Amino acid sequence: MSLESDFELAVERSKRLSAKPSNENLLKLYSLYKQATVGDVTGTRPGGFDFKSIAKYDAWATVKGTSKESAMKSYIELVNTLE
């Protein structure tokens, strides 16, 4: 299988985890998914009291510069540890 197909399978598996991941792991999944599918974070950091959007932006910013392939591999590994 290719890395892309393994990644897509991991995305599907992440939707069916037996237990809800911690907020920290949810943010890791989000940031790695966005890095793998979109690339580096863009735009300005949300402000005000939108804490969820701020946390997501900050998590994505932590993986800035990570290659698509590396983000996919890290996402797959994280899903494997959560199953």
PDB file of N, CA and C in Angstrom:
ATOM      1  N   MET A   1       0.831  -1.192   0.000  1.00  0.00           N
ATOM      2  CA  MET A   1       0.000   0.000   0.000  1.00  0.00           C
ATOM      3  C   MET A   1       0.874   1.253   0.000  1.00  0.00           C
ATOM      4  N   SER A   2       0.330   2.279  -0.531  1.00  0.00           N
ATOM      5  CA  SER A   2       1.072   3.537  -0.554  1.00  0.00           C
ATOM      6  C   SER A   2       0.843   4.289   0.756  1.00  0.00           C
ATOM      7  N   LEU A   3       1.688   5.255   0.996  1.00  0.00           N
ATOM      8  CA  LEU A   3       1.565   6.079   2.199  1.00  0.00           C
ATOM      9  C   LEU A   3       0.222   6.803   2.220  1.00  0.00           C
ATOM     10  N   GLU A   4      -0.202   7.300   1.056  1.00  0.00           N
ATOM     11  CA  GLU A   4      -1.476   8.015   0.986  1.00  0.00           C
ATOM     12  C   GLU A   4      -2.660   7.114   1.351  1.00  0.00           C
ATOM     13  N   SER A   5      -2.653   5.880   0.866  1.00  0.00           N
ATOM     14  CA  SER A   5      -3.759   4.977   1.192  1.00  0.00           C
ATOM     15  C   SER A   5      -3.713   4.559   2.660  1.00  0.00           C
ATOM     16  N   ASP A   6      -2.509   4.364   3.209  1.00  0.00           N
ATOM     17  CA  ASP A   6      -2.375   4.073   4.638  1.00  0.00           C
ATOM     18  C   ASP A   6      -2.891   5.238   5.472  1.00  0.00           C
ATOM     19  N   PHE A   7      -2.606   6.449   5.022  1.00  0.00           N
ATOM     20  CA  PHE A   7      -3.068   7.652   5.719  1.00  0.00           C
ATOM     21  C   PHE A   7      -4.595   7.724   5.698  1.00  0.00           C
ATOM     22  N   GLU A   8      -5.186   7.497   4.532  1.00  0.00           N
ATOM     23  CA  GLU A   8      -6.650   7.544   4.421  1.00  0.00           C
ATOM     24  C   GLU A   8      -7.305   6.486   5.304  1.00  0.00           C
ATOM     25  N   LEU A   9      -6.705   5.317   5.380  1.00  0.00           N
ATOM     26  CA  LEU A   9      -7.228   4.274   6.270  1.00  0.00           C
ATOM     27  C   LEU A   9      -7.124   4.709   7.727  1.00  0.00           C
ATOM     28  N   ALA A  10      -6.022   5.346   8.086  1.00  0.00           N
ATOM     29  CA  ALA A  10      -5.854   5.828   9.461  1.00  0.00           C
ATOM     30  C   ALA A  10      -6.883   6.903   9.789  1.00  0.00           C
ATOM     31  N   VAL A  11      -7.184   7.762   8.817  1.00  0.00           N
ATOM     32  CA  VAL A  11      -8.214   8.793   9.026  1.00  0.00           C
ATOM     33  C   VAL A  11      -9.552   8.121   9.311  1.00  0.00           C
ATOM     34  N   GLU A  12      -9.893   7.101   8.538  1.00  0.00           N
ATOM     35  CA  GLU A  12     -11.156   6.385   8.769  1.00  0.00           C
ATOM     36  C   GLU A  12     -11.150   5.681  10.119  1.00  0.00           C
ATOM     37  N   ARG A  13     -10.021   5.073  10.470  1.00  0.00           N
ATOM     38  CA  ARG A  13      -9.925   4.391  11.767  1.00  0.00           C
ATOM     39  C   ARG A  13     -10.040   5.377  12.914  1.00  0.00           C
ATOM     40  N   SER A  14      -9.527   6.591  12.729  1.00  0.00           N
ATOM     41  CA  SER A  14      -9.573   7.585  13.811  1.00  0.00           C
ATOM     42  C   SER A  14     -11.008   7.996  14.132  1.00  0.00           C
ATOM     43  N   LYS A  15     -11.899   7.833  13.178  1.00  0.00           N
ATOM     44  CA  LYS A  15     -13.308   8.182  13.389  1.00  0.00           C
ATOM     45  C   LYS A  15     -14.051   7.099  14.163  1.00  0.00           C
ATOM     46  N   ARG A  16     -13.438   5.923  14.300  1.00  0.00           N
ATOM     47  CA  ARG A  16     -14.087   4.799  14.967  1.00  0.00           C
ATOM     48  C   ARG A  16     -13.319   4.310  16.191  1.00  0.00           C
ATOM     49  N   LEU A  17     -12.558   5.171  16.820  1.00  0.00           N
ATOM     50  CA  LEU A  17     -11.805   4.766  18.005  1.00  0.00           C
ATOM     51  C   LEU A  17     -12.772   4.370  19.113  1.00  0.00           C
ATOM     52  N   SER A  18     -12.397   3.364  19.890  1.00  0.00           N
ATOM     53  CA  SER A  18     -13.290   2.873  20.941  1.00  0.00           C
ATOM     54  C   SER A  18     -13.453   3.890  22.071  1.00  0.00           C
ATOM     55  N   ALA A  19     -12.437   4.675  22.323  1.00  0.00           N
ATOM     56  CA  ALA A  19     -12.511   5.706  23.368  1.00  0.00           C
ATOM     57  C   ALA A  19     -12.137   7.050  22.761  1.00  0.00           C
ATOM     58  N   LYS A  20     -12.770   8.096  23.273  1.00  0.00           N
ATOM     59  CA  LYS A  20     -12.455   9.436  22.777  1.00  0.00           C
ATOM     60  C   LYS A  20     -11.042   9.809  23.232  1.00  0.00           C
ATOM     61  N   PRO A  21     -10.193  10.251  22.303  1.00  0.00           N
ATOM     62  CA  PRO A  21      -8.837  10.668  22.674  1.00  0.00           C
ATOM     63  C   PRO A  21      -8.862  11.904  23.583  1.00  0.00           C
ATOM     64  N   SER A  22      -7.784  12.093  24.310  1.00  0.00           N
ATOM     65  CA  SER A  22      -7.652  13.282  25.144  1.00  0.00           C
ATOM     66  C   SER A  22      -7.635  14.518  24.253  1.00  0.00           C
ATOM     67  N   ASN A  23      -7.884  15.668  24.835  1.00  0.00           N
ATOM     68  CA  ASN A  23      -7.831  16.912  24.067  1.00  0.00           C
ATOM     69  C   ASN A  23      -6.466  17.102  23.431  1.00  0.00           C
ATOM     70  N   GLU A  24      -5.415  16.729  24.150  1.00  0.00           N
ATOM     71  CA  GLU A  24      -4.053  16.848  23.610  1.00  0.00           C
ATOM     72  C   GLU A  24      -3.891  15.992  22.354  1.00  0.00           C
ATOM     73  N   ASN A  25      -4.370  14.763  22.414  1.00  0.00           N
ATOM     74  CA  ASN A  25      -4.260  13.882  21.248  1.00  0.00           C
ATOM     75  C   ASN A  25      -5.175  14.322  20.112  1.00  0.00           C
ATOM     76  N   LEU A  26      -6.351  14.853  20.445  1.00  0.00           N
ATOM     77  CA  LEU A  26      -7.227  15.383  19.398  1.00  0.00           C
ATOM     78  C   LEU A  26      -6.544  16.537  18.656  1.00  0.00           C
ATOM     79  N   LEU A  27      -5.865  17.402  19.398  1.00  0.00           N
ATOM     80  CA  LEU A  27      -5.151  18.516  18.762  1.00  0.00           C
ATOM     81  C   LEU A  27      -3.985  18.013  17.917  1.00  0.00           C
ATOM     82  N   LYS A  28      -3.302  16.964  18.379  1.00  0.00           N
ATOM     83  CA  LYS A  28      -2.217  16.375  17.587  1.00  0.00           C
ATOM     84  C   LYS A  28      -2.764  15.794  16.286  1.00  0.00           C
ATOM     85  N   LEU A  29      -3.878  15.052  16.403  1.00  0.00           N
ATOM     86  CA  LEU A  29      -4.495  14.488  15.197  1.00  0.00           C
ATOM     87  C   LEU A  29      -4.877  15.601  14.227  1.00  0.00           C
ATOM     88  N   TYR A  30      -5.504  16.646  14.751  1.00  0.00           N
ATOM     89  CA  TYR A  30      -5.928  17.771  13.916  1.00  0.00           C
ATOM     90  C   TYR A  30      -4.726  18.408  13.211  1.00  0.00           C
ATOM     91  N   SER A  31      -3.687  18.712  13.979  1.00  0.00           N
ATOM     92  CA  SER A  31      -2.543  19.422  13.400  1.00  0.00           C
ATOM     93  C   SER A  31      -1.832  18.577  12.351  1.00  0.00           C
ATOM     94  N   LEU A  32      -1.671  17.292  12.627  1.00  0.00           N
ATOM     95  CA  LEU A  32      -1.003  16.426  11.654  1.00  0.00           C
ATOM     96  C   LEU A  32      -1.859  16.226  10.401  1.00  0.00           C
ATOM     97  N   TYR A  33      -3.173  16.112  10.588  1.00  0.00           N
ATOM     98  CA  TYR A  33      -4.066  15.979   9.441  1.00  0.00           C
ATOM     99  C   TYR A  33      -3.989  17.227   8.555  1.00  0.00           C
ATOM    100  N   LYS A  34      -4.084  18.397   9.181  1.00  0.00           N
ATOM    101  CA  LYS A  34      -4.036  19.647   8.413  1.00  0.00           C
ATOM    102  C   LYS A  34      -2.686  19.808   7.708  1.00  0.00           C
ATOM    103  N   GLN A  35      -1.602  19.468   8.399  1.00  0.00           N
ATOM    104  CA  GLN A  35      -0.272  19.594   7.800  1.00  0.00           C
ATOM    105  C   GLN A  35      -0.143  18.652   6.608  1.00  0.00           C
ATOM    106  N   ALA A  36      -0.699  17.440   6.741  1.00  0.00           N
ATOM    107  CA  ALA A  36      -0.609  16.451   5.663  1.00  0.00           C
ATOM    108  C   ALA A  36      -1.491  16.807   4.483  1.00  0.00           C
ATOM    109  N   THR A  37      -2.617  17.451   4.725  1.00  0.00           N
ATOM    110  CA  THR A  37      -3.563  17.696   3.645  1.00  0.00           C
ATOM    111  C   THR A  37      -3.525  19.114   3.096  1.00  0.00           C
ATOM    112  N   VAL A  38      -3.116  20.089   3.912  1.00  0.00           N
ATOM    113  CA  VAL A  38      -3.128  21.489   3.484  1.00  0.00           C
ATOM    114  C   VAL A  38      -1.716  22.063   3.389  1.00  0.00           C
ATOM    115  N   GLY A  39      -0.868  21.697   4.349  1.00  0.00           N
ATOM    116  CA  GLY A  39       0.475  22.265   4.421  1.00  0.00           C
ATOM    117  C   GLY A  39       0.579  23.179   5.625  1.00  0.00           C
ATOM    118  N   ASP A  40       1.527  24.093   5.573  1.00  0.00           N
ATOM    119  CA  ASP A  40       1.770  24.992   6.706  1.00  0.00           C
ATOM    120  C   ASP A  40       0.555  25.862   7.007  1.00  0.00           C
ATOM    121  N   VAL A  41       0.392  26.141   8.285  1.00  0.00           N
ATOM    122  CA  VAL A  41      -0.693  27.002   8.743  1.00  0.00           C
ATOM    123  C   VAL A  41      -0.559  28.384   8.093  1.00  0.00           C
ATOM    124  N   THR A  42      -1.686  28.967   7.754  1.00  0.00           N
ATOM    125  CA  THR A  42      -1.686  30.298   7.152  1.00  0.00           C
ATOM    126  C   THR A  42      -2.674  31.171   7.902  1.00  0.00           C
ATOM    127  N   GLY A  43      -2.669  32.440   7.571  1.00  0.00           N
ATOM    128  CA  GLY A  43      -3.609  33.364   8.192  1.00  0.00           C
ATOM    129  C   GLY A  43      -3.102  33.853   9.532  1.00  0.00           C
ATOM    130  N   THR A  44      -3.939  34.631  10.171  1.00  0.00           N
ATOM    131  CA  THR A  44      -3.573  35.176  11.464  1.00  0.00           C
ATOM    132  C   THR A  44      -4.184  34.337  12.569  1.00  0.00           C
ATOM    133  N   ARG A  45      -3.514  34.339  13.697  1.00  0.00           N
ATOM    134  CA  ARG A  45      -3.985  33.588  14.855  1.00  0.00           C
ATOM    135  C   ARG A  45      -5.293  34.207  15.345  1.00  0.00           C
ATOM    136  N   PRO A  46      -6.303  33.359  15.589  1.00  0.00           N
ATOM    137  CA  PRO A  46      -7.566  33.890  16.106  1.00  0.00           C
ATOM    138  C   PRO A  46      -7.352  34.585  17.448  1.00  0.00           C
ATOM    139  N   GLY A  47      -8.174  35.543  17.717  1.00  0.00           N
ATOM    140  CA  GLY A  47      -8.056  36.256  18.971  1.00  0.00           C
ATOM    141  C   GLY A  47      -9.337  36.173  19.770  1.00  0.00           C
ATOM    142  N   GLY A  48      -9.386  36.966  20.806  1.00  0.00           N
ATOM    143  CA  GLY A  48     -10.595  37.032  21.617  1.00  0.00           C
ATOM    144  C   GLY A  48     -10.784  35.793  22.461  1.00  0.00           C
ATOM    145  N   PHE A  49     -12.030  35.379  22.573  1.00  0.00           N
ATOM    146  CA  PHE A  49     -12.378  34.261  23.438  1.00  0.00           C
ATOM    147  C   PHE A  49     -12.702  32.989  22.675  1.00  0.00           C
ATOM    148  N   ASP A  50     -12.241  32.885  21.445  1.00  0.00           N
ATOM    149  CA  ASP A  50     -12.456  31.687  20.647  1.00  0.00           C
ATOM    150  C   ASP A  50     -11.332  30.694  20.960  1.00  0.00           C
ATOM    151  N   PHE A  51     -11.383  30.149  22.171  1.00  0.00           N
ATOM    152  CA  PHE A  51     -10.287  29.320  22.665  1.00  0.00           C
ATOM    153  C   PHE A  51     -10.071  28.055  21.846  1.00  0.00           C
ATOM    154  N   LYS A  52     -11.141  27.476  21.323  1.00  0.00           N
ATOM    155  CA  LYS A  52     -11.017  26.267  20.519  1.00  0.00           C
ATOM    156  C   LYS A  52     -10.232  26.550  19.238  1.00  0.00           C
ATOM    157  N   SER A  53     -10.583  27.638  18.556  1.00  0.00           N
ATOM    158  CA  SER A  53      -9.874  27.989  17.321  1.00  0.00           C
ATOM    159  C   SER A  53      -8.425  28.363  17.599  1.00  0.00           C
ATOM    160  N   ILE A  54      -8.182  29.024  18.716  1.00  0.00           N
ATOM    161  CA  ILE A  54      -6.813  29.391  19.090  1.00  0.00           C
ATOM    162  C   ILE A  54      -5.992  28.128  19.329  1.00  0.00           C
ATOM    163  N   ALA A  55      -6.552  27.166  20.059  1.00  0.00           N
ATOM    164  CA  ALA A  55      -5.837  25.914  20.353  1.00  0.00           C
ATOM    165  C   ALA A  55      -5.537  25.150  19.070  1.00  0.00           C
ATOM    166  N   LYS A  56      -6.503  25.113  18.153  1.00  0.00           N
ATOM    167  CA  LYS A  56      -6.292  24.409  16.898  1.00  0.00           C
ATOM    168  C   LYS A  56      -5.218  25.093  16.051  1.00  0.00           C
ATOM    169  N   TYR A  57      -5.275  26.419  15.992  1.00  0.00           N
ATOM    170  CA  TYR A  57      -4.281  27.172  15.231  1.00  0.00           C
ATOM    171  C   TYR A  57      -2.888  26.931  15.815  1.00  0.00           C
ATOM    172  N   ASP A  58      -2.776  27.041  17.140  1.00  0.00           N
ATOM    173  CA  ASP A  58      -1.476  26.861  17.798  1.00  0.00           C
ATOM    174  C   ASP A  58      -0.934  25.451  17.589  1.00  0.00           C
ATOM    175  N   ALA A  59      -1.813  24.448  17.666  1.00  0.00           N
ATOM    176  CA  ALA A  59      -1.376  23.068  17.449  1.00  0.00           C
ATOM    177  C   ALA A  59      -0.852  22.881  16.033  1.00  0.00           C
ATOM    178  N   TRP A  60      -1.567  23.432  15.062  1.00  0.00           N
ATOM    179  CA  TRP A  60      -1.142  23.324  13.662  1.00  0.00           C
ATOM    180  C   TRP A  60       0.175  24.066  13.462  1.00  0.00           C
ATOM    181  N   ALA A  61       0.333  25.202  14.110  1.00  0.00           N
ATOM    182  CA  ALA A  61       1.562  25.983  13.962  1.00  0.00           C
ATOM    183  C   ALA A  61       2.778  25.227  14.501  1.00  0.00           C
ATOM    184  N   THR A  62       2.568  24.325  15.469  1.00  0.00           N
ATOM    185  CA  THR A  62       3.709  23.585  16.027  1.00  0.00           C
ATOM    186  C   THR A  62       4.324  22.615  15.025  1.00  0.00           C
ATOM    187  N   VAL A  63       3.575  22.220  14.004  1.00  0.00           N
ATOM    188  CA  VAL A  63       4.120  21.288  13.008  1.00  0.00           C
ATOM    189  C   VAL A  63       4.490  21.998  11.700  1.00  0.00           C
ATOM    190  N   LYS A  64       4.513  23.317  11.751  1.00  0.00           N
ATOM    191  CA  LYS A  64       4.884  24.098  10.567  1.00  0.00           C
ATOM    192  C   LYS A  64       6.263  23.656  10.076  1.00  0.00           C
ATOM    193  N   GLY A  65       6.378  23.451   8.781  1.00  0.00           N
ATOM    194  CA  GLY A  65       7.645  23.029   8.189  1.00  0.00           C
ATOM    195  C   GLY A  65       7.784  21.520   8.062  1.00  0.00           C
ATOM    196  N   THR A  66       6.873  20.776   8.668  1.00  0.00           N
ATOM    197  CA  THR A  66       6.900  19.322   8.565  1.00  0.00           C
ATOM    198  C   THR A  66       6.430  18.926   7.163  1.00  0.00           C
ATOM    199  N   SER A  67       7.123  17.990   6.563  1.00  0.00           N
ATOM    200  CA  SER A  67       6.741  17.557   5.213  1.00  0.00           C
ATOM    201  C   SER A  67       5.414  16.803   5.254  1.00  0.00           C
ATOM    202  N   LYS A  68       4.759  16.773   4.122  1.00  0.00           N
ATOM    203  CA  LYS A  68       3.490  16.057   3.983  1.00  0.00           C
ATOM    204  C   LYS A  68       3.670  14.588   4.378  1.00  0.00           C
ATOM    205  N   GLU A  69       4.724  13.977   3.884  1.00  0.00           N
ATOM    206  CA  GLU A  69       4.975  12.568   4.152  1.00  0.00           C
ATOM    207  C   GLU A  69       5.227  12.315   5.634  1.00  0.00           C
ATOM    208  N   SER A  70       6.001  13.171   6.249  1.00  0.00           N
ATOM    209  CA  SER A  70       6.298  13.023   7.679  1.00  0.00           C
ATOM    210  C   SER A  70       5.040  13.204   8.520  1.00  0.00           C
ATOM    211  N   ALA A  71       4.197  14.164   8.153  1.00  0.00           N
ATOM    212  CA  ALA A  71       2.946  14.391   8.873  1.00  0.00           C
ATOM    213  C   ALA A  71       2.027  13.182   8.728  1.00  0.00           C
ATOM    214  N   MET A  72       1.978  12.600   7.534  1.00  0.00           N
ATOM    215  CA  MET A  72       1.148  11.406   7.325  1.00  0.00           C
ATOM    216  C   MET A  72       1.637  10.255   8.191  1.00  0.00           C
ATOM    217  N   LYS A  73       2.949  10.025   8.207  1.00  0.00           N
ATOM    218  CA  LYS A  73       3.518   8.942   9.009  1.00  0.00           C
ATOM    219  C   LYS A  73       3.228   9.157  10.491  1.00  0.00           C
ATOM    220  N   SER A  74       3.391  10.379  10.962  1.00  0.00           N
ATOM    221  CA  SER A  74       3.133  10.679  12.371  1.00  0.00           C
ATOM    222  C   SER A  74       1.660  10.487  12.715  1.00  0.00           C
ATOM    223  N   TYR A  75       0.781  10.866  11.817  1.00  0.00           N
ATOM    224  CA  TYR A  75      -0.658  10.685  12.019  1.00  0.00           C
ATOM    225  C   TYR A  75      -0.986   9.200  12.136  1.00  0.00           C
ATOM    226  N   ILE A  76      -0.468   8.408  11.224  1.00  0.00           N
ATOM    227  CA  ILE A  76      -0.701   6.958  11.229  1.00  0.00           C
ATOM    228  C   ILE A  76      -0.205   6.357  12.538  1.00  0.00           C
ATOM    229  N   GLU A  77       1.009   6.738  12.960  1.00  0.00           N
ATOM    230  CA  GLU A  77       1.574   6.217  14.212  1.00  0.00           C
ATOM    231  C   GLU A  77       0.711   6.600  15.412  1.00  0.00           C
ATOM    232  N   LEU A  78       0.220   7.829  15.433  1.00  0.00           N
ATOM    233  CA  LEU A  78      -0.614   8.277  16.545  1.00  0.00           C
ATOM    234  C   LEU A  78      -1.923   7.490  16.590  1.00  0.00           C
ATOM    235  N   VAL A  79      -2.557   7.300  15.448  1.00  0.00           N
ATOM    236  CA  VAL A  79      -3.800   6.524  15.420  1.00  0.00           C
ATOM    237  C   VAL A  79      -3.537   5.105  15.910  1.00  0.00           C
ATOM    238  N   ASN A  80      -2.405   4.521  15.508  1.00  0.00           N
ATOM    239  CA  ASN A  80      -2.066   3.164  15.948  1.00  0.00           C
ATOM    240  C   ASN A  80      -1.946   3.082  17.462  1.00  0.00           C
ATOM    241  N   THR A  81      -1.415   4.128  18.099  1.00  0.00           N
ATOM    242  CA  THR A  81      -1.276   4.105  19.554  1.00  0.00           C
ATOM    243  C   THR A  81      -2.610   4.327  20.260  1.00  0.00           C
ATOM    244  N   LEU A  82      -3.572   4.933  19.575  1.00  0.00           N
ATOM    245  CA  LEU A  82      -4.869   5.231  20.199  1.00  0.00           C
ATOM    246  C   LEU A  82      -5.861   4.080  20.072  1.00  0.00           C
ATOM    247  N   GLU A  83      -5.562   3.118  19.223  1.00  0.00           N
ATOM    248  CA  GLU A  83      -6.497   1.996  19.027  1.00  0.00           C
ATOM    249  C   GLU A  83      -6.354   0.980  20.128  1.00  0.00           C
TER     250      GLU A  83
END
